[in-house]
Amino acid sequence: MAVSSIADARAALGRTWQSKDSPAYLKATRLVEDATNGICRPAIAFAAFKKAAAEQGLLEHAGPSAALSMFDQLSSRDGKRPSN
């Protein structure tokens, strides 16, 4: 499951995990709920979610986005990188 928002993280936390009693999982659950309620910054909650997922071997690194892949293809056609 791709997780790219607090809503996605909340849904993922409800799925099967190796240990829902681990401190990292419990912290992520609390912080994601707090972010949903507007009392925690989403970046902090998302970082806690990623840590818990990584500790349980659930974190999968996604490849580049479709937009980045298209940009790479376009910029490699003429052999030049776009200027800033």
C-alpha atoms as a PDB file:
ATOM      1  CA  MET A   1       0.000   0.000   0.000  1.00  0.00           C
ATOM      2  CA  ALA A   2       1.395   3.366  -0.976  1.00  0.00           C
ATOM      3  CA  VAL A   3       1.297   5.788   1.934  1.00  0.00           C
ATOM      4  CA  SER A   4       1.616   9.431   0.999  1.00  0.00           C
ATOM      5  CA  SER A   5      -0.652  11.220   3.461  1.00  0.00           C
ATOM      6  CA  ILE A   6      -1.763  11.127   7.080  1.00  0.00           C
ATOM      7  CA  ALA A   7      -5.059   9.561   5.960  1.00  0.00           C
ATOM      8  CA  ASP A   8      -3.095   6.808   4.178  1.00  0.00           C
ATOM      9  CA  ALA A   9      -0.913   6.300   7.269  1.00  0.00           C
ATOM     10  CA  ARG A  10      -3.992   6.010   9.472  1.00  0.00           C
ATOM     11  CA  ALA A  11      -5.467   3.371   7.159  1.00  0.00           C
ATOM     12  CA  ALA A  12      -2.156   1.484   7.003  1.00  0.00           C
ATOM     13  CA  LEU A  13      -1.886   1.430  10.809  1.00  0.00           C
ATOM     14  CA  GLY A  14      -5.209  -0.417  10.866  1.00  0.00           C
ATOM     15  CA  ARG A  15      -3.845  -3.212   8.706  1.00  0.00           C
ATOM     16  CA  THR A  16      -1.762  -6.214   9.759  1.00  0.00           C
ATOM     17  CA  TRP A  17       1.529  -5.448  11.535  1.00  0.00           C
ATOM     18  CA  GLN A  18       4.005  -7.835  13.161  1.00  0.00           C
ATOM     19  CA  SER A  19       3.576  -6.148  16.534  1.00  0.00           C
ATOM     20  CA  LYS A  20       0.930  -3.604  17.358  1.00  0.00           C
ATOM     21  CA  ASP A  21       2.412  -3.499  20.870  1.00  0.00           C
ATOM     22  CA  SER A  22       5.801  -2.126  19.829  1.00  0.00           C
ATOM     23  CA  PRO A  23       6.651   1.327  21.197  1.00  0.00           C
ATOM     24  CA  ALA A  24       7.247   2.730  17.687  1.00  0.00           C
ATOM     25  CA  TYR A  25       3.874   1.474  16.442  1.00  0.00           C
ATOM     26  CA  LEU A  26       2.049   2.868  19.471  1.00  0.00           C
ATOM     27  CA  LYS A  27       3.797   6.227  19.108  1.00  0.00           C
ATOM     28  CA  ALA A  28       2.991   6.374  15.384  1.00  0.00           C
ATOM     29  CA  THR A  29      -0.645   5.544  16.065  1.00  0.00           C
ATOM     30  CA  ARG A  30      -0.915   8.303  18.675  1.00  0.00           C
ATOM     31  CA  LEU A  31       0.855  10.912  16.522  1.00  0.00           C
ATOM     32  CA  VAL A  32      -1.120  10.078  13.372  1.00  0.00           C
ATOM     33  CA  GLU A  33      -4.341  10.427  15.362  1.00  0.00           C
ATOM     34  CA  ASP A  34      -3.083  13.725  16.803  1.00  0.00           C
ATOM     35  CA  ALA A  35      -2.226  14.975  13.301  1.00  0.00           C
ATOM     36  CA  THR A  36      -5.682  13.989  12.114  1.00  0.00           C
ATOM     37  CA  ASN A  37      -7.123  16.058  14.965  1.00  0.00           C
ATOM     38  CA  GLY A  38      -4.874  19.014  14.185  1.00  0.00           C
ATOM     39  CA  ILE A  39      -2.762  18.881  17.352  1.00  0.00           C
ATOM     40  CA  CYS A  40       0.430  17.481  15.808  1.00  0.00           C
ATOM     41  CA  ARG A  41       2.333  18.514  12.720  1.00  0.00           C
ATOM     42  CA  PRO A  42       1.738  15.986   9.917  1.00  0.00           C
ATOM     43  CA  ALA A  43       5.483  15.783   9.175  1.00  0.00           C
ATOM     44  CA  ILE A  44       6.189  14.580  12.713  1.00  0.00           C
ATOM     45  CA  ALA A  45       3.417  11.989  12.578  1.00  0.00           C
ATOM     46  CA  PHE A  46       4.512  10.794   9.145  1.00  0.00           C
ATOM     47  CA  ALA A  47       8.133  10.433  10.332  1.00  0.00           C
ATOM     48  CA  ALA A  48       6.933   8.321  13.279  1.00  0.00           C
ATOM     49  CA  PHE A  49       4.874   6.177  10.899  1.00  0.00           C
ATOM     50  CA  LYS A  50       7.872   5.625   8.614  1.00  0.00           C
ATOM     51  CA  LYS A  51      10.059   4.674  11.594  1.00  0.00           C
ATOM     52  CA  ALA A  52       7.513   2.142  12.851  1.00  0.00           C
ATOM     53  CA  ALA A  53       7.066   0.663   9.376  1.00  0.00           C
ATOM     54  CA  ALA A  54      10.830   0.422   8.868  1.00  0.00           C
ATOM     55  CA  GLU A  55      11.337  -1.286  12.236  1.00  0.00           C
ATOM     56  CA  GLN A  56       8.806  -3.943  11.276  1.00  0.00           C
ATOM     57  CA  GLY A  57      10.167  -4.438   7.769  1.00  0.00           C
ATOM     58  CA  LEU A  58       7.128  -2.910   6.087  1.00  0.00           C
ATOM     59  CA  LEU A  59       8.714   0.130   4.510  1.00  0.00           C
ATOM     60  CA  GLU A  60       9.176  -0.165   0.782  1.00  0.00           C
ATOM     61  CA  HIS A  61      10.940   2.611  -1.064  1.00  0.00           C
ATOM     62  CA  ALA A  62       8.991   3.719  -4.083  1.00  0.00           C
ATOM     63  CA  GLY A  63      10.654   4.554  -7.327  1.00  0.00           C
ATOM     64  CA  PRO A  64      10.548   8.022  -8.805  1.00  0.00           C
ATOM     65  CA  SER A  65       7.155   9.562  -9.412  1.00  0.00           C
ATOM     66  CA  ALA A  66       5.617   9.455 -12.885  1.00  0.00           C
ATOM     67  CA  ALA A  67       6.304  13.184 -13.268  1.00  0.00           C
ATOM     68  CA  LEU A  68       9.973  12.784 -12.347  1.00  0.00           C
ATOM     69  CA  SER A  69      10.334   9.861 -14.751  1.00  0.00           C
ATOM     70  CA  MET A  70       8.841  11.940 -17.585  1.00  0.00           C
ATOM     71  CA  PHE A  71      11.140  14.846 -16.713  1.00  0.00           C
ATOM     72  CA  ASP A  72      14.167  12.534 -16.787  1.00  0.00           C
ATOM     73  CA  GLN A  73      13.123  11.157 -20.178  1.00  0.00           C
ATOM     74  CA  LEU A  74      12.610  14.618 -21.640  1.00  0.00           C
ATOM     75  CA  SER A  75      15.872  15.971 -20.311  1.00  0.00           C
ATOM     76  CA  SER A  76      17.868  12.974 -21.527  1.00  0.00           C
ATOM     77  CA  ARG A  77      16.578  13.152 -25.132  1.00  0.00           C
ATOM     78  CA  ASP A  78      18.875  15.958 -26.141  1.00  0.00           C
ATOM     79  CA  GLY A  79      21.682  15.004 -23.753  1.00  0.00           C
ATOM     80  CA  LYS A  80      21.399  18.285 -21.884  1.00  0.00           C
ATOM     81  CA  ARG A  81      20.086  18.956 -18.430  1.00  0.00           C
ATOM     82  CA  PRO A  82      17.616  21.828 -18.136  1.00  0.00           C
ATOM     83  CA  SER A  83      19.126  25.047 -16.890  1.00  0.00           C
ATOM     84  CA  ASN A  84      17.927  26.665 -13.694  1.00  0.00           C
END
